[in-house]
Amino acid sequence: MAELSVPYTTPTSITKLGGIYTGDGAPTGLTAKKGSLYVNTTATTTTTRLYINTDGGTTWANFTASA
């Protein structure tokens, strides 16, 4: 059986990527690296469940999630 060969690229250090955060409510005032994700564990709508940090500060954009 033939094996699939995929080129390996050394991953970027986790410290450069940002993080994944969880909490109750929106990430108001939370500072994180650009690209970090935030999961609202108490969300009740499809537009308040997941956010991404867009500036490396306290600006977060929401994603619309499916039901």
Protein backbone atom coordinates (compact mmCIF):
# COMPACT_ATOMS: atom_id res chain seq x y z
CA MET A 1 0.00 0.00 0.00
CA ALA A 2 1.33 3.44 -0.92
CA GLU A 3 1.85 6.01 1.79
CA LEU A 4 0.84 9.61 1.40
CA SER A 5 3.82 11.89 1.83
CA VAL A 6 3.03 15.34 3.16
CA PRO A 7 5.74 17.96 3.55
CA TYR A 8 6.27 18.87 7.19
CA THR A 9 6.57 22.47 8.25
CA THR A 10 7.75 23.32 11.73
CA PRO A 11 4.81 24.99 13.48
CA THR A 12 5.01 28.53 14.72
CA SER A 13 5.55 28.77 18.45
CA ILE A 14 2.29 28.70 20.40
CA THR A 15 3.32 31.89 22.17
CA LYS A 16 3.16 33.73 18.84
CA LEU A 17 -0.30 32.50 17.91
CA GLY A 18 -2.49 33.73 20.74
CA GLY A 19 -4.87 31.69 22.83
CA ILE A 20 -8.31 30.28 23.33
CA TYR A 21 -10.29 31.80 26.16
CA THR A 22 -13.66 31.01 27.69
CA GLY A 23 -15.91 32.99 29.96
CA ASP A 24 -19.38 34.18 30.84
CA GLY A 25 -20.59 36.92 28.50
CA ALA A 26 -18.77 38.94 25.86
CA PRO A 27 -14.99 39.49 26.13
CA THR A 28 -15.39 43.14 27.09
CA GLY A 29 -12.09 44.55 28.33
CA LEU A 30 -10.16 41.31 27.74
CA THR A 31 -6.72 41.94 26.23
CA ALA A 32 -5.31 39.15 24.07
CA LYS A 33 -3.03 38.58 21.11
CA LYS A 34 -4.43 39.20 17.63
CA GLY A 35 -6.10 36.03 16.37
CA SER A 36 -7.02 34.73 19.82
CA LEU A 37 -10.42 33.11 20.17
CA TYR A 38 -12.99 33.60 22.92
CA VAL A 39 -15.91 31.24 23.58
CA ASN A 40 -18.86 32.66 25.52
CA THR A 41 -20.07 29.73 27.63
CA THR A 42 -23.38 31.39 28.48
CA ALA A 43 -24.33 32.60 24.99
CA THR A 44 -27.97 32.32 24.02
CA THR A 45 -27.77 33.52 20.40
CA THR A 46 -25.79 32.45 17.34
CA THR A 47 -23.99 35.82 17.20
CA THR A 48 -22.64 35.85 20.76
CA ARG A 49 -20.95 32.43 21.01
CA LEU A 50 -17.53 32.96 19.41
CA TYR A 51 -15.24 35.97 19.05
CA ILE A 52 -11.79 36.63 17.51
CA ASN A 53 -9.37 39.32 18.64
CA THR A 54 -8.67 41.67 15.75
CA ASP A 55 -6.06 44.08 17.08
CA GLY A 56 -3.92 42.50 19.79
CA GLY A 57 -5.76 44.59 22.37
CA THR A 58 -9.36 44.62 23.52
CA THR A 59 -11.17 44.66 20.16
CA TRP A 60 -13.15 41.49 19.43
CA ALA A 61 -15.27 40.61 16.37
CA ASN A 62 -18.06 38.09 16.70
CA PHE A 63 -18.65 35.09 14.46
CA THR A 64 -22.13 33.92 13.58
CA ALA A 65 -22.38 30.29 14.57
CA SER A 66 -24.96 27.77 13.42
CA ALA A 67 -27.59 26.56 15.83
